[in-house]
Amino acid sequence: MSRPVHITGSALNCACGDSPAKAAASMWAGTTRLGQKHLGDRAFPYYSLPLSETAWLPRAEQAIRSLTAQLGPIAPTTPLFIASSSFQMGWFEEQGQPFDLPPASASFSRQIAAWLGLDGPRYTFSNACISGFSALDAARSLIAAGSIDEAIVVGVELANASTLAGFAAMELLSRSACRPFDATRDGLVLGEAVAAVRLSSQPAGWRISGLRTGIDAYSTTGPDPQGGPIAELLRDCLDEAGLATEQIELIKLQAAGSPGTDLAEANALRQVFGQAMPPLLSLKPALGHTLGASGIAELAALLACLDSEHIPATGGFSRVDPEIALCPLVERSNAHISRALLNLVGFGGGLAALIMERRR
């Protein structure tokens, strides 16, 4: 048994809006809420959630509870799939004492479910930046097989010093701005987000027609610069969807401004799409790189953009890198998009791609 899987709802709280529609409107207007995080005597740009709470756990509760009203009534037994890179690391830091891991991290999943009013099965995913699509893939597979009829997939990434320090120690952070695919790009700009999508076997406006995850084992930190594994995964996703390259009308890039990963992604796109390159869009200059939540947050934001037919320009891009030789959207568009591909490239080798199609 294999059933189509549809996206029946979404919710988002990020630096540029506390709903998908508000985030889409902010991206269309080109307004951002870029702040800073300090690490010793260094300051890094950072996209924070504008929340009234300041302590870590109350802040997390406020952010996650904000999703419930957006999603609408949910049966308490609905399966919950949670994606995160850091879980409640910020709360651990506030406590100043050791914890038994991973059981302590697992307890946060129970807390998230309680805040959402859910007491059904819970599944947790943490494989860096592709965590959200891994969670989506698991939920989609169970719905397609007839094992469940509906699922909530949540992405959570909230501020903590450990994540910031880790990326800073590896010299992966920009000190100024996110510049995807740009010749002057110099690193990532991190951010916070909580987001959710609701999947169902019932028909809705959009369905997931292809979703593939994989591993690029080129190195422990970055992808093959030639882009071969990424290209292979993109072809697999297109094959599952039964689509030719020319049928893809928009690509949501990983493109976070990383010198190496941006180049690998561009090389992969050229291998797959050749000269018939669809319009390219990066959302990270507006949302920040939200790590384990990025797949769900960017999916929710993109859906709102496509539903309103307000596709924003890619912020931070001004000069083509000769090696990349690709230019993301620099002008806003009112195009009606029926098929979009979303690409993720994760730290440590994780790869994921998703194709969604508008219901006809």
Protein backbone atom coordinates (compact mmCIF):
# COMPACT_ATOMS: atom_id res chain seq x y z
CA MET A 1 0.00 0.00 0.00
CA SER A 2 1.34 3.43 -0.92
CA ARG A 3 -0.75 6.52 -0.39
CA PRO A 4 0.00 10.13 -1.36
CA VAL A 5 1.10 12.26 1.57
CA HIS A 6 -0.15 15.85 1.79
CA ILE A 7 0.84 18.92 3.78
CA THR A 8 -2.35 20.07 5.50
CA GLY A 9 -0.96 22.81 7.73
CA SER A 10 2.13 24.59 8.97
CA ALA A 11 3.31 26.80 11.81
CA LEU A 12 6.39 28.92 12.30
CA ASN A 13 8.03 31.21 14.81
CA CYS A 14 11.31 32.65 13.58
CA ALA A 15 13.29 35.89 13.59
CA CYS A 16 11.20 37.39 10.79
CA GLY A 17 7.73 36.48 12.00
CA ASP A 18 5.62 34.46 14.43
CA SER A 19 3.60 32.74 11.70
CA PRO A 20 4.32 31.51 8.17
CA ALA A 21 2.31 34.39 6.68
CA LYS A 22 4.13 37.04 8.74
CA ALA A 23 7.50 35.52 7.88
CA ALA A 24 6.61 35.49 4.18
CA ALA A 25 5.50 39.13 4.34
CA SER A 26 8.73 40.13 6.10
CA MET A 27 10.84 38.31 3.51
CA TRP A 28 8.89 39.96 0.70
CA ALA A 29 9.47 43.38 2.28
CA GLY A 30 13.14 42.60 2.86
CA THR A 31 12.97 43.36 6.58
CA THR A 32 15.07 41.31 8.99
CA ARG A 33 15.66 41.17 12.72
CA LEU A 34 19.39 40.57 12.81
CA GLY A 35 20.92 40.84 16.27
CA GLN A 36 24.16 39.69 17.86
CA LYS A 37 25.50 36.99 20.14
CA HIS A 38 28.69 37.54 22.11
CA LEU A 39 31.31 34.90 22.74
CA GLY A 40 34.12 36.26 24.89
CA ASP A 41 35.34 39.41 23.21
CA ARG A 42 33.86 38.43 19.84
CA ALA A 43 30.43 39.33 18.47
CA PHE A 44 28.60 37.36 15.81
CA PRO A 45 25.41 38.25 13.90
CA TYR A 46 22.52 36.08 15.07
CA TYR A 47 18.79 35.73 14.29
CA SER A 48 16.96 35.51 17.63
CA LEU A 49 13.30 34.86 18.30
CA PRO A 50 11.62 38.02 19.66
CA LEU A 51 10.12 36.45 22.80
CA SER A 52 9.13 38.11 26.07
CA GLU A 53 10.51 35.29 28.22
CA THR A 54 14.23 35.32 28.97
CA ALA A 55 14.97 32.15 30.98
CA TRP A 56 15.65 29.23 28.65
CA LEU A 57 12.86 26.78 29.56
CA PRO A 58 9.99 29.33 29.82
CA ARG A 59 11.26 30.80 26.56
CA ALA A 60 11.14 27.38 24.89
CA GLU A 61 7.62 26.82 26.19
CA GLN A 62 6.46 30.19 24.88
CA ALA A 63 7.95 29.48 21.45
CA ILE A 64 6.55 25.97 21.10
CA ARG A 65 3.10 26.80 22.46
CA SER A 66 2.90 29.50 19.78
CA LEU A 67 2.65 26.71 17.21
CA THR A 68 -0.54 25.18 18.56
CA ALA A 69 -2.94 27.98 17.60
CA GLN A 70 -1.45 28.06 14.08
CA LEU A 71 -1.93 24.32 13.55
CA GLY A 72 -5.53 24.23 14.79
CA PRO A 73 -7.18 21.36 16.68
CA ILE A 74 -5.02 18.24 16.86
CA ALA A 75 -6.14 14.83 18.13
CA PRO A 76 -4.11 14.14 21.30
CA THR A 77 -2.99 10.76 19.97
CA THR A 78 -1.47 12.19 16.76
CA PRO A 79 2.10 10.89 16.31
CA LEU A 80 4.78 13.52 16.89
CA PHE A 81 8.11 13.64 15.04
CA ILE A 82 10.69 16.02 16.54
CA ALA A 83 13.85 17.33 14.86
CA SER A 84 16.60 19.26 16.63
CA SER A 85 20.36 19.59 16.75
CA SER A 86 20.69 20.91 20.29
CA PHE A 87 17.41 20.03 22.07
CA GLN A 88 17.51 21.75 25.52
CA MET A 89 21.26 22.41 25.57
CA GLY A 90 20.63 26.01 26.62
CA TRP A 91 18.73 24.81 29.68
CA PHE A 92 21.54 22.42 30.59
CA GLU A 93 23.95 25.36 30.42
CA GLU A 94 21.79 27.38 32.83
CA GLN A 95 21.76 24.54 35.38
CA GLY A 96 25.54 24.32 35.60
CA GLN A 97 25.60 20.61 36.44
CA PRO A 98 26.21 17.37 34.50
CA PHE A 99 23.32 15.41 33.02
CA ASP A 100 22.88 11.81 31.98
CA LEU A 101 22.82 11.96 28.18
CA PRO A 102 21.01 10.98 26.00
CA PRO A 103 18.12 10.24 28.45
CA ALA A 104 18.06 13.88 29.59
CA SER A 105 17.73 15.07 25.99
CA ALA A 106 14.94 12.56 25.40
CA SER A 107 12.99 14.10 28.28
CA PHE A 108 12.67 17.31 26.24
CA SER A 109 10.65 15.44 23.63
CA ARG A 110 8.11 14.53 26.31
CA GLN A 111 8.00 18.18 27.35
CA ILE A 112 7.42 19.36 23.77
CA ALA A 113 4.58 16.88 23.38
CA ALA A 114 2.98 18.12 26.59
CA TRP A 115 3.20 21.75 25.45
CA LEU A 116 1.52 20.75 22.18
CA GLY A 117 -1.17 18.75 23.99
CA LEU A 118 -0.09 15.44 22.48
CA ASP A 119 0.21 12.11 24.26
CA GLY A 120 0.65 9.75 21.33
CA PRO A 121 3.82 8.16 19.95
CA ARG A 122 6.94 10.34 19.78
CA TYR A 123 9.95 9.99 17.51
CA THR A 124 13.11 12.11 17.77
CA PHE A 125 15.68 12.90 15.06
CA SER A 126 19.04 14.59 15.43
CA ASN A 127 21.37 14.42 12.44
CA ALA A 128 22.46 18.02 12.10
CA CYS A 129 20.92 20.22 9.41
CA ILE A 130 18.91 17.47 7.72
CA SER A 131 17.11 16.48 10.95
CA GLY A 132 13.84 18.04 9.80
CA PHE A 133 13.71 16.17 6.51
CA SER A 134 14.70 12.92 8.24
CA ALA A 135 11.72 13.37 10.55
CA LEU A 136 9.48 14.22 7.58
CA ASP A 137 10.68 11.14 5.73
CA ALA A 138 9.84 8.85 8.63
CA ALA A 139 6.38 10.37 9.10
CA ARG A 140 5.68 10.31 5.37
CA SER A 141 6.73 6.66 5.10
CA LEU A 142 4.33 5.58 7.85
CA ILE A 143 1.44 7.54 6.32
CA ALA A 144 2.17 6.22 2.83
CA ALA A 145 2.22 2.66 4.17
CA GLY A 146 -1.13 3.10 5.91
CA SER A 147 0.36 2.67 9.40
CA ILE A 148 -0.83 6.13 10.48
CA ASP A 149 -3.12 8.70 8.88
CA GLU A 150 -1.67 11.94 10.21
CA ALA A 151 1.48 13.29 11.84
CA ILE A 152 2.91 16.47 13.28
CA VAL A 153 6.57 17.15 12.45
CA VAL A 154 8.26 19.78 14.61
CA GLY A 155 11.66 21.44 14.22
CA VAL A 156 13.20 23.10 17.28
CA GLU A 157 16.44 25.04 17.50
CA LEU A 158 16.93 27.51 20.34
CA ALA A 159 19.96 29.54 21.39
CA ASN A 160 22.75 28.02 23.42
CA ALA A 161 26.39 28.91 23.97
CA SER A 162 27.72 25.43 23.12
CA THR A 163 26.49 25.52 19.54
CA LEU A 164 27.77 29.05 18.98
CA ALA A 165 31.15 28.20 20.47
CA GLY A 166 31.48 25.03 18.42
CA PHE A 167 30.85 26.74 15.09
CA ALA A 168 33.04 29.68 16.10
CA ALA A 169 35.92 27.38 17.04
CA MET A 170 35.80 25.84 13.57
CA GLU A 171 35.87 29.33 12.01
CA LEU A 172 32.56 28.65 10.22
CA LEU A 173 30.71 31.79 11.30
CA SER A 174 30.51 35.06 9.43
CA ARG A 175 31.32 38.17 11.41
CA SER A 176 29.01 40.32 9.29
CA ALA A 177 26.20 38.76 7.20
CA CYS A 178 24.89 35.72 5.35
CA ARG A 179 25.88 35.98 1.66
CA PRO A 180 24.69 32.83 -0.15
CA PHE A 181 26.60 31.99 -3.35
CA ASP A 182 28.25 35.43 -3.20
CA ALA A 183 31.92 35.93 -4.07
CA THR A 184 32.50 37.59 -0.67
CA ARG A 185 30.70 34.97 1.44
CA ASP A 186 32.60 34.16 4.62
CA GLY A 187 30.47 31.83 6.70
CA LEU A 188 27.18 31.04 8.40
CA VAL A 189 24.88 33.22 10.45
CA LEU A 190 23.04 31.10 13.00
CA GLY A 191 19.47 31.60 14.15
CA GLU A 192 16.60 30.25 16.21
CA ALA A 193 13.31 28.80 15.00
CA VAL A 194 10.47 26.55 16.01
CA ALA A 195 8.25 25.24 13.23
CA ALA A 196 5.79 22.49 12.43
CA VAL A 197 4.11 20.90 9.47
CA ARG A 198 1.06 18.69 9.52
CA LEU A 199 1.09 15.67 7.22
CA SER A 200 -1.98 13.66 6.25
CA SER A 201 -3.29 11.05 3.87
CA GLN A 202 -6.17 13.43 3.15
CA PRO A 203 -5.86 15.61 0.01
CA ALA A 204 -4.67 19.17 0.53
CA GLY A 205 -3.08 22.02 -1.38
CA TRP A 206 0.41 20.49 -1.51
CA ARG A 207 1.75 16.96 -1.51
CA ILE A 208 5.23 15.54 -1.06
CA SER A 209 6.07 13.80 -4.32
CA GLY A 210 9.74 13.05 -3.61
CA LEU A 211 11.94 12.92 -0.53
CA ARG A 212 15.40 11.43 -0.27
CA THR A 213 18.08 11.48 2.41
CA GLY A 214 21.66 10.29 2.16
CA ILE A 215 25.28 10.64 3.24
CA ASP A 216 28.25 12.36 1.64
CA ALA A 217 31.26 10.62 3.22
CA TYR A 218 33.87 12.86 1.58
CA SER A 219 34.99 14.24 4.96
CA THR A 220 33.83 14.51 8.56
CA THR A 221 32.78 18.13 8.13
CA GLY A 222 32.11 19.14 4.54
CA PRO A 223 30.70 17.75 1.28
CA ASP A 224 32.61 16.62 -1.79
CA PRO A 225 33.51 19.94 -3.46
CA GLN A 226 32.68 18.47 -6.87
CA GLY A 227 29.11 17.90 -5.69
CA GLY A 228 28.78 14.31 -6.91
CA PRO A 229 26.89 12.83 -3.91
CA ILE A 230 24.53 15.82 -3.78
CA ALA A 231 23.82 15.48 -7.50
CA GLU A 232 23.09 11.76 -7.11
CA LEU A 233 20.62 12.42 -4.32
CA LEU A 234 18.86 15.14 -6.34
CA ARG A 235 18.46 12.74 -9.27
CA ASP A 236 17.05 10.08 -6.95
CA CYS A 237 14.51 12.58 -5.61
CA LEU A 238 13.47 13.58 -9.13
CA ASP A 239 13.12 9.92 -10.09
CA GLU A 240 10.88 9.19 -7.11
CA ALA A 241 8.68 12.15 -8.01
CA GLY A 242 8.59 11.05 -11.66
CA LEU A 243 9.67 14.50 -12.80
CA ALA A 244 12.10 15.78 -15.38
CA THR A 245 14.47 18.59 -14.45
CA GLU A 246 12.62 21.10 -16.60
CA GLN A 247 9.45 20.52 -14.53
CA ILE A 248 11.05 21.98 -11.39
CA GLU A 249 10.09 25.67 -11.22
CA LEU A 250 12.02 26.77 -8.13
CA ILE A 251 14.89 25.45 -6.01
CA LYS A 252 15.17 26.40 -2.35
CA LEU A 253 18.91 26.19 -1.80
CA GLN A 254 20.84 25.10 1.25
CA ALA A 255 23.14 28.09 0.49
CA ALA A 256 24.08 29.47 3.88
CA GLY A 257 27.15 31.42 2.81
CA SER A 258 29.66 28.69 3.58
CA PRO A 259 32.58 28.90 1.11
CA GLY A 260 32.88 25.13 0.63
CA THR A 261 29.29 23.92 0.93
CA ASP A 262 27.90 26.62 -1.36
CA LEU A 263 30.41 25.60 -4.04
CA ALA A 264 29.60 21.89 -3.71
CA GLU A 265 25.87 22.60 -3.97
CA ALA A 266 26.35 24.76 -7.05
CA ASN A 267 28.48 22.10 -8.74
CA ALA A 268 25.79 19.50 -8.02
CA LEU A 269 23.03 21.71 -9.43
CA ARG A 270 24.95 22.22 -12.66
CA GLN A 271 25.43 18.46 -13.02
CA VAL A 272 21.71 17.82 -12.63
CA PHE A 273 20.08 20.84 -14.30
CA GLY A 274 22.74 21.94 -16.78
CA GLN A 275 21.84 25.10 -18.65
CA ALA A 276 18.14 24.83 -17.80
CA MET A 277 18.61 26.04 -14.23
CA PRO A 278 15.37 26.92 -12.41
CA PRO A 279 15.21 30.08 -10.28
CA LEU A 280 17.28 29.69 -7.10
CA LEU A 281 16.36 31.00 -3.67
CA SER A 282 18.07 30.97 -0.27
CA LEU A 283 16.00 31.79 2.82
CA LYS A 284 18.89 31.87 5.28
CA PRO A 285 19.61 35.62 4.90
CA ALA A 286 16.12 36.16 6.36
CA LEU A 287 15.82 33.31 8.88
CA GLY A 288 19.43 32.52 9.70
CA HIS A 289 20.77 28.99 9.64
CA THR A 290 18.50 27.23 12.12
CA LEU A 291 20.38 23.93 11.99
CA GLY A 292 18.16 21.00 13.10
CA ALA A 293 15.00 23.08 12.63
CA SER A 294 15.98 24.45 9.22
CA GLY A 295 14.19 21.86 7.08
CA ILE A 296 10.83 22.41 8.77
CA ALA A 297 11.23 26.17 9.24
CA GLU A 298 12.23 26.78 5.63
CA LEU A 299 9.50 24.47 4.32
CA ALA A 300 6.85 26.35 6.33
CA ALA A 301 8.20 29.72 5.19
CA LEU A 302 8.44 28.68 1.54
CA LEU A 303 4.90 27.27 1.51
CA ALA A 304 3.59 30.65 2.71
CA CYS A 305 5.58 32.45 0.02
CA LEU A 306 4.27 30.17 -2.72
CA ASP A 307 0.67 30.30 -1.49
CA SER A 308 0.74 34.10 -1.58
CA GLU A 309 2.71 34.14 -4.85
CA HIS A 310 5.22 36.46 -3.20
CA ILE A 311 8.63 34.92 -3.77
CA PRO A 312 11.27 37.08 -2.08
CA ALA A 313 14.68 38.03 -3.34
CA THR A 314 17.73 36.35 -1.84
CA GLY A 315 19.27 38.77 0.60
CA GLY A 316 23.01 39.27 0.91
CA PHE A 317 23.85 38.47 -2.70
CA SER A 318 25.63 41.12 -4.77
CA ARG A 319 28.50 39.59 -6.73
CA VAL A 320 28.76 36.32 -8.66
CA ASP A 321 31.54 33.97 -7.61
CA PRO A 322 33.28 32.82 -10.84
CA GLU A 323 33.64 29.29 -9.40
CA ILE A 324 29.94 29.05 -8.57
CA ALA A 325 28.77 30.94 -11.67
CA LEU A 326 25.15 30.87 -10.47
CA CYS A 327 22.99 33.76 -9.35
CA PRO A 328 20.10 33.32 -6.89
CA LEU A 329 16.97 35.41 -7.24
CA VAL A 330 17.83 39.05 -6.67
CA GLU A 331 14.42 40.40 -7.72
CA ARG A 332 11.08 39.55 -6.15
CA SER A 333 8.69 37.41 -8.17
CA ASN A 334 4.94 36.83 -8.37
CA ALA A 335 5.37 33.58 -10.25
CA HIS A 336 2.81 30.83 -9.71
CA ILE A 337 4.91 27.82 -8.68
CA SER A 338 3.47 24.34 -8.88
CA ARG A 339 6.62 22.27 -8.24
CA ALA A 340 9.49 23.23 -5.96
CA LEU A 341 12.59 21.38 -4.85
CA LEU A 342 14.10 22.02 -1.40
CA ASN A 343 17.73 21.03 -0.86
CA LEU A 344 19.60 20.50 2.42
CA VAL A 345 23.29 19.83 2.98
CA GLY A 346 24.15 19.00 6.58
CA PHE A 347 27.30 19.39 8.62
CA GLY A 348 28.96 15.97 8.89
CA GLY A 349 27.76 14.70 5.52
CA GLY A 350 23.99 14.56 5.76
CA LEU A 351 22.09 15.21 2.53
CA ALA A 352 18.35 15.63 1.93
CA ALA A 353 16.06 16.80 -0.84
CA LEU A 354 12.29 17.20 -1.00
CA ILE A 355 9.97 17.93 -3.92
CA MET A 356 6.50 19.29 -3.29
CA GLU A 357 3.74 19.67 -5.86
CA ARG A 358 0.68 21.85 -5.80
CA ARG A 359 -2.65 20.05 -6.04
CA ARG A 360 -4.28 20.56 -9.43
